[in-house]
Amino acid sequence: MAVMAGPVEKNPVIGFDLRIKRIESQNCFFKQIKGFIVQKMIIRAIQEALKRANCVVKEPRMKFQLSLYSIEHRGKVMELLAENDCEILSEDPEGEMWSISGLLNVSQELKIQKRLLAVTRGNAYLETSYYGL
């Protein structure tokens, strides 16, 4: 597992797995192999394998708890969550309030928070925590 830090949509973490199944070296004939040469061979073989490798990026997920203070905005909020590929785990009506919990991708969090303010006119609160890959 490797982690790269940097601003991707202003989110600091991207996780990725690196698996090397087989490294082949062909036409390598050495009369005398020293430790330093072996290290260079290994590094070059890994570099070559990485050049040919397929890459799958797994985006971290965030668990969210969304509280709506006015039920009239529920339809627009559900559309917003659906547009951003959020997985809704539960909905809980509490009188005039509505509570929604689920999972969202890290890269979508800031976009949802900005749009949520416009859609609900400030009548919502979004709380997030790290969930995993």
Protein backbone atom coordinates (compact mmCIF):
# COMPACT_ATOMS: atom_id res chain seq x y z
CA MET A 1 0.00 0.00 0.00
CA ALA A 2 1.41 3.38 -0.94
CA VAL A 3 0.06 6.84 -0.24
CA MET A 4 0.69 9.98 -2.24
CA ALA A 5 0.10 13.32 -0.55
CA GLY A 6 -0.91 16.34 -2.59
CA PRO A 7 -3.86 18.49 -3.57
CA VAL A 8 -6.34 16.52 -5.65
CA GLU A 9 -9.52 18.58 -5.57
CA LYS A 10 -7.97 20.00 -2.36
CA ASN A 11 -8.05 16.61 -0.62
CA PRO A 12 -4.72 15.44 0.79
CA VAL A 13 -4.71 11.65 0.44
CA ILE A 14 -4.84 9.24 -2.48
CA GLY A 15 -4.26 5.56 -1.79
CA PHE A 16 -3.04 2.96 -4.21
CA ASP A 17 -1.88 -0.66 -4.12
CA LEU A 18 1.20 -1.82 -5.96
CA ARG A 19 1.46 -5.52 -6.81
CA ILE A 20 4.23 -6.94 -8.96
CA LYS A 21 3.51 -10.52 -10.01
CA ARG A 22 6.60 -11.39 -12.02
CA ILE A 23 9.75 -9.65 -13.17
CA GLU A 24 11.68 -11.21 -16.02
CA SER A 25 15.21 -10.43 -17.06
CA GLN A 26 16.38 -11.78 -20.38
CA ASN A 27 19.84 -11.86 -21.93
CA CYS A 28 21.59 -10.96 -18.68
CA PHE A 29 25.00 -12.61 -18.60
CA PHE A 30 27.47 -11.59 -15.93
CA LYS A 31 30.83 -13.20 -15.27
CA GLN A 32 31.17 -11.56 -11.89
CA ILE A 33 28.18 -10.19 -9.97
CA LYS A 34 28.82 -7.91 -7.04
CA GLY A 35 26.24 -6.73 -4.50
CA PHE A 36 26.01 -3.22 -5.96
CA ILE A 37 25.40 -4.58 -9.45
CA VAL A 38 22.63 -6.84 -8.13
CA GLN A 39 20.96 -3.82 -6.50
CA LYS A 40 21.09 -1.92 -9.79
CA MET A 41 19.65 -4.93 -11.63
CA ILE A 42 16.75 -5.15 -9.17
CA ILE A 43 16.01 -1.43 -9.37
CA ARG A 44 16.11 -1.45 -13.19
CA ALA A 45 13.90 -4.55 -13.35
CA ILE A 46 11.33 -2.93 -11.04
CA GLN A 47 11.41 0.32 -13.05
CA GLU A 48 10.81 -1.62 -16.25
CA ALA A 49 7.97 -3.59 -14.65
CA LEU A 50 6.33 -0.37 -13.44
CA LYS A 51 6.50 1.09 -16.96
CA ARG A 52 4.52 -1.89 -18.28
CA ALA A 53 2.16 -2.20 -15.31
CA ASN A 54 -1.55 -1.50 -15.26
CA CYS A 55 -2.64 0.97 -12.63
CA VAL A 56 -5.89 0.88 -10.64
CA VAL A 57 -6.59 3.88 -8.44
CA LYS A 58 -8.79 3.32 -5.40
CA GLU A 59 -10.28 6.49 -4.00
CA PRO A 60 -10.77 6.71 -0.23
CA ARG A 61 -14.35 6.88 1.04
CA MET A 62 -15.81 9.16 3.69
CA LYS A 63 -18.70 8.32 5.99
CA PHE A 64 -21.14 11.21 6.23
CA GLN A 65 -23.99 12.28 8.49
CA LEU A 66 -26.24 14.92 6.95
CA SER A 67 -28.83 16.76 9.03
CA LEU A 68 -31.56 18.69 7.21
CA TYR A 69 -33.32 21.30 9.32
CA SER A 70 -36.14 21.69 6.80
CA ILE A 71 -37.83 18.77 5.03
CA GLU A 72 -38.74 20.91 1.99
CA HIS A 73 -35.15 20.58 0.67
CA ARG A 74 -35.04 16.77 0.94
CA GLY A 75 -35.74 16.11 -2.77
CA LYS A 76 -33.01 18.46 -4.00
CA VAL A 77 -30.52 17.08 -1.46
CA MET A 78 -31.25 13.49 -2.55
CA GLU A 79 -30.65 14.54 -6.19
CA LEU A 80 -27.35 16.14 -5.18
CA LEU A 81 -26.24 12.97 -3.39
CA ALA A 82 -27.25 10.80 -6.36
CA GLU A 83 -25.34 13.05 -8.82
CA ASN A 84 -22.17 12.62 -6.77
CA ASP A 85 -22.41 8.80 -6.47
CA CYS A 86 -23.11 8.79 -2.74
CA GLU A 87 -24.21 5.52 -1.17
CA ILE A 88 -27.05 6.18 1.29
CA LEU A 89 -27.03 3.80 4.25
CA SER A 90 -29.96 5.13 6.29
CA GLU A 91 -32.54 7.90 6.50
CA ASP A 92 -34.12 8.92 9.78
CA PRO A 93 -36.96 11.47 10.00
CA GLU A 94 -37.05 13.29 13.34
CA GLY A 95 -40.04 15.62 13.29
CA GLU A 96 -39.06 18.69 11.25
CA MET A 97 -35.49 17.41 10.87
CA TRP A 98 -34.27 14.69 8.53
CA SER A 99 -31.04 12.75 9.09
CA ILE A 100 -29.24 10.94 6.26
CA SER A 101 -26.10 8.83 6.66
CA GLY A 102 -23.99 7.18 3.99
CA LEU A 103 -20.69 6.99 2.09
CA LEU A 104 -19.12 9.36 -0.42
CA ASN A 105 -15.82 9.63 -2.33
CA VAL A 106 -13.20 11.96 -0.86
CA SER A 107 -13.00 14.01 -4.07
CA GLN A 108 -16.73 14.77 -3.91
CA GLU A 109 -16.83 16.10 -0.34
CA LEU A 110 -15.97 19.76 -1.03
CA LYS A 111 -18.24 19.88 -4.08
CA ILE A 112 -21.15 18.52 -2.04
CA GLN A 113 -20.56 20.96 0.81
CA LYS A 114 -20.53 23.96 -1.56
CA ARG A 115 -23.65 22.83 -3.44
CA LEU A 116 -25.41 21.87 -0.20
CA LEU A 117 -25.20 25.44 1.04
CA ALA A 118 -26.80 26.73 -2.17
CA VAL A 119 -29.47 24.01 -2.39
CA THR A 120 -30.65 24.22 1.24
CA ARG A 121 -29.94 27.94 1.83
CA GLY A 122 -27.91 26.98 4.91
CA ASN A 123 -30.54 24.66 6.43
CA ALA A 124 -28.27 21.60 6.54
CA TYR A 125 -25.20 20.33 8.37
CA LEU A 126 -22.77 17.81 6.85
CA GLU A 127 -20.34 15.93 9.10
CA THR A 128 -17.77 13.55 7.58
CA SER A 129 -15.16 11.09 8.83
CA TYR A 130 -12.66 8.80 7.09
CA TYR A 131 -14.12 5.37 6.22
CA GLY A 132 -11.46 3.58 4.14
CA LEU A 133 -10.76 2.38 0.61
